[in-house]
């Protein structure tokens, strides 16, 4: 693992390394303007001063190129940067392990530069407030990149360790953003007055000194975050995974797990703006302070909406048990529907001056008296009626029953066929893909799971189900439905977008089918523990889902 040096670069080290590197350098790049094409034949490109792509110029970097910064230098892009590698031949922006460089800066650039299959690492130091990729009034497309082991330790809120966006609507997809550090906000990503789309990314093991270990969002921002794993990030104050201080934030189909904050919001903290969660899993997030607030979510102001989410085992030090999945305070507004909250104590702690809206959920704790506390809606938890399935519920159609997960101990929150959560959601919500009333929780129960592919059960639409089991070891089943006879391709790829295995490429009849992936690559070798994605292509239907292999 690359190691980040915690002292500033010195001239002695620069001169020594520069003199040694020149012995084997292919291309020396002095300070000044750069443009044209950098080829693998000219690699490595040894950067010996601050370089800039002029507003009227384009710099193309071909696959296999190493861009090696020989000191505390940066690449500023005012024109276009096209750094597009491949799955098997990436582009590297790095420096020697004993040095530091000052990142890539997109400033007032035209639409749009591209970074693809690039590695950006070891930028920044403990004094200067710069991170790996900094965007101002620029909308680059960043995909299939690894952005790791960078730091911005100076007390400057505009910079993140990984990616900083200021009035920039970047597209960030299928990236591994990990082990980055910020001296204030946003260890992985800092979003200010920006509306990026962040999809399919692994945002993990990042750290912020104040807020937003993984992601920090503020100002007039409207980010869309979908299909991401936000895990094992830490903050010394609020928002271990994500901290929101303003804007309209949409988060869907994400896993927020094993993050840690000291004061509040192990998973997410909200101090303004609105946060909409749909189809998200919150698991084993942690608030360390004895008087901490919200193992899963802490909202002090603004608006929180959670729909079809699953909360399990988030933790607050004060109770020394799992609990306080959602904690509101101040004047935070909260609406929770079609969700499962399953923990040991105080699933909802409502300290807000505003009453919460809590309906069509399933709640379960080990203690009858430890479900809710604070300013909760009257009648919550009082079993006075039954829901559409005939189960005892309160006046808001909340039930208080074992959700019957497939394997919650190993993080599989699918429902078993006898779960009381099936068809127990809000009947006014969109129906599940099988055409039935919404189930409660992240995953709806598909009654076709386990049916042999030769059975005459036809589908009127395309669908790709979540793999089962998930997490898995060593094999997992992927189910899909076809409305007609088609050729189907199902490919497994890793966080960097590299193809790992192909599990299907043939004609299938209309109906429901299953394929199994055994956790091996195409050459028969077992793959490592981690997050993988599977993508189905059939005619014009393309769908991708995430899965986790644990060994």
Protein backbone atom coordinates (compact mmCIF):
# COMPACT_ATOMS: atom_id res chain seq x y z
CA UNK A 1 0.00 0.00 0.00
CA UNK A 2 1.26 3.45 -0.85
CA UNK A 3 2.27 5.52 2.16
CA UNK A 4 1.50 9.24 2.44
CA UNK A 5 4.43 11.27 3.81
CA UNK A 6 3.33 13.67 6.52
CA UNK A 7 6.10 16.26 6.04
CA UNK A 8 6.45 18.89 3.31
CA UNK A 9 8.64 18.23 0.33
CA UNK A 10 12.15 19.61 0.63
CA UNK A 11 14.41 21.05 -2.04
CA UNK A 12 17.14 18.57 -1.12
CA UNK A 13 14.90 15.61 -1.86
CA UNK A 14 13.71 17.23 -5.10
CA UNK A 15 17.23 17.83 -6.40
CA UNK A 16 18.43 14.37 -5.45
CA UNK A 17 15.48 12.56 -6.98
CA UNK A 18 15.54 14.76 -10.07
CA UNK A 19 19.20 13.99 -10.76
CA UNK A 20 18.68 10.25 -10.35
CA UNK A 21 15.49 10.14 -12.42
CA UNK A 22 17.12 11.91 -15.35
CA UNK A 23 19.33 8.89 -15.87
CA UNK A 24 16.37 6.85 -17.06
CA UNK A 25 13.84 9.49 -18.11
CA UNK A 26 12.24 9.16 -21.53
CA UNK A 27 10.61 12.60 -21.67
CA UNK A 28 11.45 15.65 -19.56
CA UNK A 29 8.60 18.17 -19.24
CA UNK A 30 9.68 21.59 -17.93
CA UNK A 31 7.34 24.20 -16.46
CA UNK A 32 5.03 25.92 -18.91
CA UNK A 33 2.24 25.16 -21.38
CA UNK A 34 1.65 21.61 -22.60
CA UNK A 35 -0.47 20.27 -25.47
CA UNK A 36 -0.45 17.65 -28.19
CA UNK A 37 -0.22 13.91 -27.52
CA UNK A 38 1.76 12.04 -24.89
CA UNK A 39 2.41 8.49 -26.05
CA UNK A 40 3.40 5.30 -24.28
CA UNK A 41 6.62 5.36 -26.27
CA UNK A 42 7.57 8.62 -24.55
CA UNK A 43 6.64 7.41 -21.08
CA UNK A 44 7.42 8.17 -18.33
CA UNK A 45 6.85 11.91 -18.61
CA UNK A 46 8.88 13.53 -15.84
CA UNK A 47 7.24 16.79 -14.78
CA UNK A 48 9.80 19.31 -13.52
CA UNK A 49 7.61 22.36 -12.94
CA UNK A 50 4.00 23.54 -12.91
CA UNK A 51 2.38 22.76 -16.25
CA UNK A 52 -0.79 24.16 -17.85
CA UNK A 53 -3.07 23.19 -20.71
CA UNK A 54 -3.93 26.56 -22.29
CA UNK A 55 -7.56 27.52 -22.81
CA UNK A 56 -7.15 27.06 -26.57
CA UNK A 57 -5.29 23.77 -26.37
CA UNK A 58 -5.86 20.04 -25.85
CA UNK A 59 -3.56 17.54 -24.17
CA UNK A 60 -4.15 13.91 -25.15
CA UNK A 61 -2.59 11.22 -22.97
CA UNK A 62 -2.59 7.71 -24.39
CA UNK A 63 -3.00 4.41 -22.52
CA UNK A 64 0.05 3.17 -20.64
CA UNK A 65 1.52 6.61 -19.96
CA UNK A 66 3.07 7.41 -16.57
CA UNK A 67 2.96 11.10 -15.63
CA UNK A 68 5.51 11.39 -12.84
CA UNK A 69 5.70 14.68 -10.95
CA UNK A 70 9.25 15.31 -9.78
CA UNK A 71 8.24 17.65 -6.97
CA UNK A 72 5.55 19.96 -5.63
CA UNK A 73 4.11 20.69 -9.06
CA UNK A 74 0.61 20.64 -10.48
CA UNK A 75 -1.23 20.20 -13.76
CA UNK A 76 -3.69 23.04 -14.44
CA UNK A 77 -6.26 22.49 -17.19
CA UNK A 78 -7.83 25.59 -18.75
CA UNK A 79 -8.45 23.83 -22.08
CA UNK A 80 -9.16 20.13 -22.64
CA UNK A 81 -7.51 17.09 -21.09
CA UNK A 82 -8.17 13.72 -22.70
CA UNK A 83 -6.49 11.11 -20.50
CA UNK A 84 -8.21 7.90 -21.56
CA UNK A 85 -6.62 4.60 -20.67
CA UNK A 86 -8.02 1.10 -21.04
CA UNK A 87 -8.96 -1.76 -18.73
CA UNK A 88 -5.59 -3.38 -19.25
CA UNK A 89 -3.44 -0.29 -19.83
CA UNK A 90 -4.17 2.55 -17.45
CA UNK A 91 -2.68 6.03 -17.13
CA UNK A 92 -0.86 6.97 -13.93
CA UNK A 93 -0.53 10.40 -12.32
CA UNK A 94 1.94 9.81 -9.51
CA UNK A 95 5.13 10.91 -7.81
CA UNK A 96 7.90 9.17 -5.93
CA UNK A 97 6.87 7.81 -2.55
CA UNK A 98 9.19 10.25 -0.78
CA UNK A 99 7.67 13.25 -2.54
CA UNK A 100 4.40 15.07 -3.04
CA UNK A 101 2.73 16.82 -5.97
CA UNK A 102 -0.17 19.23 -6.06
CA UNK A 103 -2.86 17.57 -8.12
CA UNK A 104 -4.86 18.20 -11.29
CA UNK A 105 -6.78 21.49 -11.41
CA UNK A 106 -9.62 21.99 -13.89
CA UNK A 107 -10.33 25.73 -13.99
CA UNK A 108 -12.98 27.37 -16.22
CA UNK A 109 -12.66 24.59 -18.79
CA UNK A 110 -14.98 23.95 -21.75
CA UNK A 111 -17.14 20.80 -21.74
CA UNK A 112 -15.77 18.30 -21.30
CA UNK A 113 -12.43 16.79 -20.39
CA UNK A 114 -12.17 13.05 -19.80
CA UNK A 115 -10.26 10.96 -17.28
CA UNK A 116 -10.78 7.24 -17.82
CA UNK A 117 -8.87 4.28 -16.42
CA UNK A 118 -6.46 6.59 -14.64
CA UNK A 119 -4.70 6.29 -11.29
CA UNK A 120 -4.27 9.54 -9.36
CA UNK A 121 -2.33 9.09 -6.14
CA UNK A 122 0.05 10.60 -3.59
CA UNK A 123 -0.91 14.23 -4.22
CA UNK A 124 -0.93 16.90 -1.50
CA UNK A 125 0.84 17.06 1.84
CA UNK A 126 0.19 18.04 5.45
CA UNK A 127 0.61 21.78 4.87
CA UNK A 128 -0.78 22.83 1.50
CA UNK A 129 -4.55 22.61 0.98
CA UNK A 130 -4.77 20.75 -2.31
CA UNK A 131 -6.14 17.35 -3.16
CA UNK A 132 -5.95 15.04 -6.14
CA UNK A 133 -8.52 16.51 -8.56
CA UNK A 134 -9.87 20.04 -8.08
CA UNK A 135 -12.60 21.42 -10.34
CA UNK A 136 -13.75 25.05 -10.52
CA UNK A 137 -16.40 26.02 -13.10
CA UNK A 138 -15.60 22.80 -14.93
CA UNK A 139 -17.52 19.63 -15.77
CA UNK A 140 -15.06 16.81 -16.47
CA UNK A 141 -16.10 13.20 -16.98
CA UNK A 142 -14.19 10.94 -14.59
CA UNK A 143 -14.78 7.22 -15.02
CA UNK A 144 -13.13 3.94 -14.06
CA UNK A 145 -10.39 5.77 -12.17
CA UNK A 146 -8.59 4.98 -8.96
CA UNK A 147 -8.15 8.09 -6.79
CA UNK A 148 -6.35 7.03 -3.64
CA UNK A 149 -3.80 7.93 -1.01
CA UNK A 150 -4.12 11.69 -1.52
CA UNK A 151 -4.39 14.33 1.17
CA UNK A 152 -5.40 17.93 1.75
CA UNK A 153 -4.57 18.63 5.36
CA UNK A 154 -4.57 22.43 5.34
CA UNK A 155 -7.61 24.04 6.94
CA UNK A 156 -9.29 25.05 3.72
CA UNK A 157 -12.88 23.94 3.12
CA UNK A 158 -12.68 24.12 -0.69
CA UNK A 159 -10.45 21.07 -1.01
CA UNK A 160 -11.00 17.39 -0.52
CA UNK A 161 -8.39 14.72 -0.34
CA UNK A 162 -9.81 13.03 -3.45
CA UNK A 163 -12.08 15.22 -5.63
CA UNK A 164 -13.17 18.81 -4.94
CA UNK A 165 -16.02 20.33 -6.98
CA UNK A 166 -16.79 24.06 -6.88
CA UNK A 167 -19.56 25.14 -9.25
CA UNK A 168 -18.77 22.03 -11.27
CA UNK A 169 -21.22 19.41 -12.50
CA UNK A 170 -18.84 16.54 -13.09
CA UNK A 171 -19.82 13.01 -14.03
CA UNK A 172 -18.04 10.52 -11.78
CA UNK A 173 -18.67 6.82 -12.36
CA UNK A 174 -17.18 3.42 -11.56
CA UNK A 175 -14.30 4.97 -9.61
CA UNK A 176 -12.43 3.71 -6.55
CA UNK A 177 -12.03 6.75 -4.26
CA UNK A 178 -10.24 5.48 -1.18
CA UNK A 179 -7.70 6.28 1.52
CA UNK A 180 -7.85 10.03 0.94
CA UNK A 181 -7.68 12.63 3.75
CA UNK A 182 -8.95 16.17 4.23
CA UNK A 183 -7.98 18.67 6.90
CA UNK A 184 -11.58 19.86 7.12
CA UNK A 185 -14.42 18.67 4.90
CA UNK A 186 -14.84 15.77 2.50
CA UNK A 187 -12.09 13.21 2.74
CA UNK A 188 -13.17 11.55 -0.49
CA UNK A 189 -15.28 14.16 -2.29
CA UNK A 190 -16.14 17.80 -1.47
CA UNK A 191 -19.18 19.21 -3.30
CA UNK A 192 -19.81 22.97 -3.15
CA UNK A 193 -22.45 24.70 -5.30
CA UNK A 194 -22.26 21.75 -7.68
CA UNK A 195 -24.59 19.12 -9.09
CA UNK A 196 -22.52 16.10 -10.07
CA UNK A 197 -23.75 12.62 -10.88
CA UNK A 198 -21.80 10.01 -8.89
CA UNK A 199 -22.59 6.44 -9.92
CA UNK A 200 -21.22 2.99 -9.17
CA UNK A 201 -18.29 4.24 -7.11
CA UNK A 202 -16.49 2.71 -4.15
CA UNK A 203 -15.93 5.55 -1.66
CA UNK A 204 -14.13 3.95 1.25
CA UNK A 205 -11.55 4.42 4.01
CA UNK A 206 -11.43 8.20 3.52
CA UNK A 207 -11.08 10.59 6.46
CA UNK A 208 -12.08 14.19 7.26
CA UNK A 209 -10.91 16.11 10.29
CA UNK A 210 -14.29 17.83 10.65
CA UNK A 211 -17.22 16.64 8.52
CA UNK A 212 -17.90 14.18 5.74
CA UNK A 213 -15.36 11.40 5.85
CA UNK A 214 -16.54 10.08 2.51
CA UNK A 215 -18.48 13.01 0.99
CA UNK A 216 -19.22 16.59 2.08
CA UNK A 217 -22.03 18.56 0.40
CA UNK A 218 -22.77 22.27 0.90
CA UNK A 219 -24.12 25.38 -0.78
CA UNK A 220 -26.55 25.30 -3.67
CA UNK A 221 -25.76 21.73 -4.67
CA UNK A 222 -27.98 19.03 -6.18
CA UNK A 223 -25.87 15.90 -6.45
CA UNK A 224 -27.26 12.54 -7.51
CA UNK A 225 -25.45 9.64 -5.84
CA UNK A 226 -26.49 6.19 -7.00
CA UNK A 227 -25.25 2.62 -6.78
CA UNK A 228 -22.26 3.51 -4.59
CA UNK A 229 -20.61 1.73 -1.68
CA UNK A 230 -19.81 4.34 0.99
CA UNK A 231 -17.99 2.35 3.62
CA UNK A 232 -15.38 2.61 6.37
CA UNK A 233 -15.03 6.37 6.07
CA UNK A 234 -14.39 8.42 9.23
CA UNK A 235 -14.92 11.94 10.52
CA UNK A 236 -13.65 13.51 13.71
CA UNK A 237 -16.93 15.41 14.10
CA UNK A 238 -20.06 14.74 12.01
CA UNK A 239 -20.99 12.55 9.08
CA UNK A 240 -18.66 9.59 8.96
CA UNK A 241 -19.93 8.57 5.54
CA UNK A 242 -21.65 11.73 4.25
CA UNK A 243 -22.16 15.21 5.71
CA UNK A 244 -24.78 17.53 4.20
CA UNK A 245 -24.84 21.24 5.02
CA UNK A 246 -27.06 22.43 2.17
CA UNK A 247 -28.55 21.65 -1.21
CA UNK A 248 -30.91 18.98 -2.49
CA UNK A 249 -29.25 15.58 -2.26
CA UNK A 250 -30.58 12.41 -3.88
CA UNK A 251 -29.04 9.11 -2.75
CA UNK A 252 -30.35 5.85 -4.19
CA UNK A 253 -29.36 2.18 -4.20
CA UNK A 254 -26.29 2.84 -2.05
CA UNK A 255 -24.76 0.91 0.82
CA UNK A 256 -23.66 3.13 3.71
CA UNK A 257 -21.84 0.88 6.13
CA UNK A 258 -19.13 0.66 8.79
CA UNK A 259 -18.54 4.43 8.78
CA UNK A 260 -17.60 6.28 11.97
CA UNK A 261 -18.17 9.81 13.28
CA UNK A 262 -17.25 11.14 16.68
CA UNK A 263 -20.13 13.55 17.44
CA UNK A 264 -23.05 12.44 15.29
CA UNK A 265 -24.25 10.73 12.16
CA UNK A 266 -22.08 7.69 11.79
CA UNK A 267 -23.59 7.14 8.35
CA UNK A 268 -24.95 10.60 7.43
CA UNK A 269 -25.24 13.97 9.19
CA UNK A 270 -27.60 16.70 7.99
CA UNK A 271 -27.21 20.35 8.99
CA UNK A 272 -29.25 21.94 6.22
CA UNK A 273 -30.77 21.25 2.84
CA UNK A 274 -32.75 18.15 1.99
CA UNK A 275 -31.68 14.54 1.70
CA UNK A 276 -33.75 11.94 -0.13
CA UNK A 277 -32.78 8.30 0.44
CA UNK A 278 -34.26 5.53 -1.70
CA UNK A 279 -33.32 1.87 -1.64
CA UNK A 280 -30.31 2.37 0.64
CA UNK A 281 -28.78 0.05 3.22
CA UNK A 282 -27.36 1.49 6.47
CA UNK A 283 -25.43 -1.09 8.43
CA UNK A 284 -23.01 -1.01 11.36
CA UNK A 285 -22.26 2.72 11.26
CA UNK A 286 -20.86 4.08 14.52
CA UNK A 287 -21.04 7.26 16.59
CA UNK A 288 -18.13 7.26 19.01
CA UNK A 289 -18.89 10.03 21.54
CA UNK A 290 -20.65 8.93 24.72
CA UNK A 291 -23.27 11.64 24.16
CA UNK A 292 -23.27 11.07 20.39
CA UNK A 293 -26.34 11.35 18.23
CA UNK A 294 -27.44 9.00 15.48
CA UNK A 295 -25.49 5.86 14.77
CA UNK A 296 -27.05 5.72 11.31
CA UNK A 297 -28.30 9.27 10.63
CA UNK A 298 -28.23 12.52 12.60
CA UNK A 299 -30.33 15.41 11.26
CA UNK A 300 -30.18 18.71 13.14
CA UNK A 301 -31.91 20.84 10.49
CA UNK A 302 -33.15 20.47 6.96
CA UNK A 303 -35.25 17.60 5.63
CA UNK A 304 -34.72 13.85 5.65
CA UNK A 305 -36.83 11.51 3.52
CA UNK A 306 -36.15 7.77 3.62
CA UNK A 307 -38.10 5.33 1.45
CA UNK A 308 -37.49 1.60 0.94
CA UNK A 309 -34.37 1.63 3.11
CA UNK A 310 -33.00 -0.96 5.52
CA UNK A 311 -31.23 0.01 8.76
CA UNK A 312 -29.43 -2.63 10.74
CA UNK A 313 -27.02 -2.55 13.67
CA UNK A 314 -25.93 1.09 13.70
CA UNK A 315 -24.30 1.96 16.99
CA UNK A 316 -23.94 4.81 19.50
CA UNK A 317 -21.37 4.61 22.27
CA UNK A 318 -23.75 6.06 24.85
CA UNK A 319 -26.00 3.00 24.84
CA UNK A 320 -23.26 0.40 24.52
CA UNK A 321 -25.67 -1.47 22.28
CA UNK A 322 -26.73 -1.09 18.69
CA UNK A 323 -29.23 1.70 18.36
CA UNK A 324 -30.27 5.24 17.46
CA UNK A 325 -30.63 4.40 13.80
CA UNK A 326 -32.11 7.84 13.07
CA UNK A 327 -31.74 10.82 15.42
CA UNK A 328 -33.29 14.19 14.66
CA UNK A 329 -32.79 17.43 16.57
CA UNK A 330 -33.35 21.16 16.21
CA UNK A 331 -35.96 21.70 13.52
CA UNK A 332 -35.21 18.79 11.20
CA UNK A 333 -38.18 17.39 9.30
CA UNK A 334 -38.28 13.61 8.83
CA UNK A 335 -40.39 11.26 6.71
CA UNK A 336 -39.74 7.51 6.81
CA UNK A 337 -41.79 5.06 4.72
CA UNK A 338 -41.54 1.47 3.48
CA UNK A 339 -38.37 0.92 5.49
CA UNK A 340 -37.02 -1.64 7.96
CA UNK A 341 -35.28 -0.48 11.13
CA UNK A 342 -33.86 -3.41 13.07
CA UNK A 343 -31.56 -2.84 16.02
CA UNK A 344 -31.26 -3.08 19.79
CA UNK A 345 -32.45 0.30 21.04
CA UNK A 346 -34.14 3.58 20.07
CA UNK A 347 -34.72 3.07 16.38
CA UNK A 348 -35.89 6.67 16.08
CA UNK A 349 -34.82 9.38 18.50
CA UNK A 350 -36.85 12.47 17.59
CA UNK A 351 -35.48 15.53 19.37
CA UNK A 352 -36.75 17.86 16.66
CA UNK A 353 -39.36 20.52 17.29
CA UNK A 354 -41.18 19.10 14.26
CA UNK A 355 -43.11 15.82 14.48
CA UNK A 356 -41.94 13.02 12.25
CA UNK A 357 -43.98 11.28 9.57
CA UNK A 358 -43.45 7.54 10.05
CA UNK A 359 -45.66 5.07 8.16
CA UNK A 360 -45.70 1.62 6.53
CA UNK A 361 -42.43 0.54 8.16
CA UNK A 362 -41.28 -2.52 10.07
CA UNK A 363 -39.56 -1.83 13.41
CA UNK A 364 -37.93 -4.38 15.68
CA UNK A 365 -35.81 -4.11 18.82
CA UNK A 366 -35.01 -6.44 21.69
CA UNK A 367 -36.95 -4.29 24.15
CA UNK A 368 -40.60 -3.26 23.99
CA UNK A 369 -39.77 0.06 25.68
CA UNK A 370 -36.82 1.05 23.51
CA UNK A 371 -38.42 1.60 20.12
CA UNK A 372 -38.74 5.38 20.03
CA UNK A 373 -38.15 8.41 22.17
CA UNK A 374 -38.59 12.16 21.93
CA UNK A 375 -41.18 14.10 19.97
CA UNK A 376 -42.76 11.15 18.19
CA UNK A 377 -46.16 11.08 16.43
CA UNK A 378 -49.03 10.20 18.78
CA UNK A 379 -50.11 6.60 18.44
CA UNK A 380 -46.79 5.37 17.14
CA UNK A 381 -46.15 1.81 18.37
CA UNK A 382 -49.73 1.41 19.72
CA UNK A 383 -51.15 -1.69 18.06
CA UNK A 384 -54.70 -0.56 17.41
CA UNK A 385 -55.46 -2.00 13.97
CA UNK A 386 -54.24 -4.37 11.28
CA UNK A 387 -52.63 -3.73 7.93
CA UNK A 388 -53.69 -5.09 4.54
CA UNK A 389 -52.00 -8.43 5.35
CA UNK A 390 -53.93 -8.79 8.60
CA UNK A 391 -50.89 -8.17 10.82
CA UNK A 392 -51.18 -6.01 13.93
CA UNK A 393 -50.12 -2.44 13.22
CA UNK A 394 -50.36 1.04 14.64
CA UNK A 395 -52.50 3.79 13.20
CA UNK A 396 -49.73 4.56 10.66
CA UNK A 397 -49.65 0.94 9.41
CA UNK A 398 -46.26 0.31 10.95
CA UNK A 399 -45.67 -3.30 11.98
CA UNK A 400 -43.34 -4.57 14.70
CA UNK A 401 -42.37 -8.03 13.57
CA UNK A 402 -39.29 -10.04 12.65
CA UNK A 403 -38.59 -9.03 9.01
CA UNK A 404 -37.18 -12.48 8.22
CA UNK A 405 -34.02 -11.58 6.36
CA UNK A 406 -32.27 -14.33 4.43
CA UNK A 407 -29.04 -13.92 6.41
CA UNK A 408 -28.71 -10.61 8.28
CA UNK A 409 -25.61 -11.81 10.13
CA UNK A 410 -23.77 -11.80 6.80
CA UNK A 411 -25.43 -8.70 5.41
CA UNK A 412 -28.05 -10.38 3.20
CA UNK A 413 -31.19 -8.31 3.72
CA UNK A 414 -33.37 -10.04 1.15
CA UNK A 415 -36.73 -11.18 2.48
CA UNK A 416 -37.69 -14.82 2.84
CA UNK A 417 -41.00 -16.02 1.43
CA UNK A 418 -42.81 -15.83 4.81
CA UNK A 419 -41.69 -12.30 5.70
CA UNK A 420 -44.46 -10.03 7.02
CA UNK A 421 -42.86 -7.21 5.01
CA UNK A 422 -44.08 -8.66 1.72
CA UNK A 423 -46.90 -6.53 0.24
CA UNK A 424 -47.05 -4.54 3.51
CA UNK A 425 -45.79 -1.23 2.14
CA UNK A 426 -47.72 1.88 1.21
CA UNK A 427 -50.31 0.80 -1.41
CA UNK A 428 -49.99 4.24 -2.99
CA UNK A 429 -46.27 3.71 -3.60
CA UNK A 430 -45.15 2.37 -6.99
CA UNK A 431 -45.71 -1.36 -7.21
CA UNK A 432 -42.78 -3.76 -7.12
CA UNK A 433 -41.42 -5.12 -10.38
CA UNK A 434 -43.47 -8.30 -9.96
CA UNK A 435 -46.65 -6.20 -10.12
CA UNK A 436 -47.59 -6.51 -6.44
CA UNK A 437 -48.02 -3.96 -3.64
CA UNK A 438 -44.70 -2.54 -2.44
CA UNK A 439 -42.74 -4.67 0.01
CA UNK A 440 -41.01 -3.03 2.99
CA UNK A 441 -37.24 -2.65 2.89
CA UNK A 442 -34.57 -2.38 0.19
CA UNK A 443 -35.28 -5.66 -1.58
CA UNK A 444 -38.68 -6.80 -2.69
CA UNK A 445 -39.37 -10.52 -2.55
CA UNK A 446 -39.41 -12.05 -6.03
CA UNK A 447 -41.69 -15.11 -6.00
CA UNK A 448 -39.91 -16.48 -9.08
CA UNK A 449 -36.63 -17.06 -7.22
CA UNK A 450 -35.82 -20.75 -7.30
CA UNK A 451 -38.02 -21.60 -10.32
CA UNK A 452 -36.19 -23.70 -12.87
CA UNK A 453 -35.48 -21.93 -16.12
CA UNK A 454 -37.38 -24.59 -18.09
CA UNK A 455 -40.69 -23.89 -16.35
CA UNK A 456 -43.25 -22.21 -18.56
CA UNK A 457 -43.43 -18.93 -16.67
CA UNK A 458 -43.31 -15.96 -18.98
CA UNK A 459 -42.51 -12.33 -18.26
CA UNK A 460 -43.99 -9.26 -19.91
CA UNK A 461 -40.92 -7.17 -19.19
CA UNK A 462 -37.16 -7.22 -18.68
CA UNK A 463 -35.78 -7.47 -15.15
CA UNK A 464 -32.49 -8.20 -13.41
CA UNK A 465 -32.78 -9.32 -9.80
CA UNK A 466 -30.31 -8.81 -7.00
CA UNK A 467 -27.93 -11.73 -6.78
CA UNK A 468 -28.65 -14.31 -4.10
CA UNK A 469 -27.08 -14.72 -1.62
CA UNK A 470 -25.39 -11.35 -1.20
CA UNK A 471 -22.79 -11.10 0.29
CA UNK A 472 -21.70 -14.51 -0.94
CA UNK A 473 -18.92 -17.09 -0.73
CA UNK A 474 -18.05 -18.88 -2.90
CA UNK A 475 -20.92 -18.70 -5.44
CA UNK A 476 -24.04 -16.64 -6.07
CA UNK A 477 -27.12 -16.87 -8.29
CA UNK A 478 -28.18 -14.14 -10.73
CA UNK A 479 -31.78 -14.21 -11.96
CA UNK A 480 -33.26 -12.33 -14.90
CA UNK A 481 -36.54 -12.18 -16.82
CA UNK A 482 -37.04 -11.83 -20.56
CA UNK A 483 -40.22 -10.93 -22.44
CA UNK A 484 -39.07 -12.78 -25.60
CA UNK A 485 -36.30 -15.01 -26.93
CA UNK A 486 -33.05 -13.04 -26.97
CA UNK A 487 -29.31 -13.34 -26.78
CA UNK A 488 -28.18 -12.41 -23.25
CA UNK A 489 -24.76 -11.32 -22.06
CA UNK A 490 -23.95 -11.15 -18.34
CA UNK A 491 -20.51 -9.82 -17.47
CA UNK A 492 -18.82 -9.47 -14.06
CA UNK A 493 -16.46 -6.55 -13.57
CA UNK A 494 -14.58 -4.98 -10.69
CA UNK A 495 -14.57 -1.47 -9.19
CA UNK A 496 -12.18 -0.23 -11.86
CA UNK A 497 -14.49 -1.45 -14.61
CA UNK A 498 -12.20 -4.30 -15.59
CA UNK A 499 -13.98 -7.39 -16.87
CA UNK A 500 -13.48 -10.29 -14.46
CA UNK A 501 -15.69 -12.99 -15.93
CA UNK A 502 -18.47 -13.63 -18.44
CA UNK A 503 -21.17 -15.88 -17.03
CA UNK A 504 -23.66 -15.79 -19.91
CA UNK A 505 -23.52 -15.20 -23.67
CA UNK A 506 -26.21 -17.19 -25.43
CA UNK A 507 -29.84 -17.32 -26.51
CA UNK A 508 -32.50 -17.64 -23.81
CA UNK A 509 -36.22 -18.16 -24.24
CA UNK A 510 -38.83 -15.83 -22.79
CA UNK A 511 -39.33 -16.23 -19.05
CA UNK A 512 -37.30 -16.47 -15.89
CA UNK A 513 -33.72 -17.75 -15.89
CA UNK A 514 -30.82 -18.20 -13.49
CA UNK A 515 -27.06 -18.29 -13.89
CA UNK A 516 -24.43 -18.93 -11.24
CA UNK A 517 -21.10 -17.19 -10.77
CA UNK A 518 -18.56 -19.23 -8.83
CA UNK A 519 -16.34 -16.32 -7.78
CA UNK A 520 -13.65 -17.15 -10.34
CA UNK A 521 -12.22 -15.10 -13.18
CA UNK A 522 -12.41 -16.16 -16.82
CA UNK A 523 -9.06 -17.92 -16.51
CA UNK A 524 -10.33 -20.06 -13.63
CA UNK A 525 -8.59 -18.27 -10.78
CA UNK A 526 -10.52 -17.27 -7.62
CA UNK A 527 -11.01 -13.52 -7.25
CA UNK A 528 -10.36 -11.51 -4.11
CA UNK A 529 -12.84 -10.28 -1.51
CA UNK A 530 -14.50 -7.06 -2.59
CA UNK A 531 -17.30 -5.27 -4.40
CA UNK A 532 -18.13 -6.47 -7.92
CA UNK A 533 -20.78 -5.54 -10.47
CA UNK A 534 -22.78 -7.65 -12.87
CA UNK A 535 -24.25 -6.22 -16.05
CA UNK A 536 -26.94 -7.74 -18.23
CA UNK A 537 -27.21 -6.79 -21.91
CA UNK A 538 -30.20 -8.06 -23.88
CA UNK A 539 -31.35 -6.21 -26.97
CA UNK A 540 -31.71 -2.58 -25.82
CA UNK A 541 -32.08 -3.49 -22.13
CA UNK A 542 -28.95 -2.86 -20.05
CA UNK A 543 -28.95 -3.16 -16.27
CA UNK A 544 -26.13 -3.22 -13.70
CA UNK A 545 -26.21 -4.26 -10.04
CA UNK A 546 -23.65 -4.50 -7.26
CA UNK A 547 -22.64 -7.53 -5.18
CA UNK A 548 -20.16 -8.29 -2.43
CA UNK A 549 -17.84 -11.29 -2.21
CA UNK A 550 -16.65 -12.02 1.34
CA UNK A 551 -14.06 -14.69 2.05
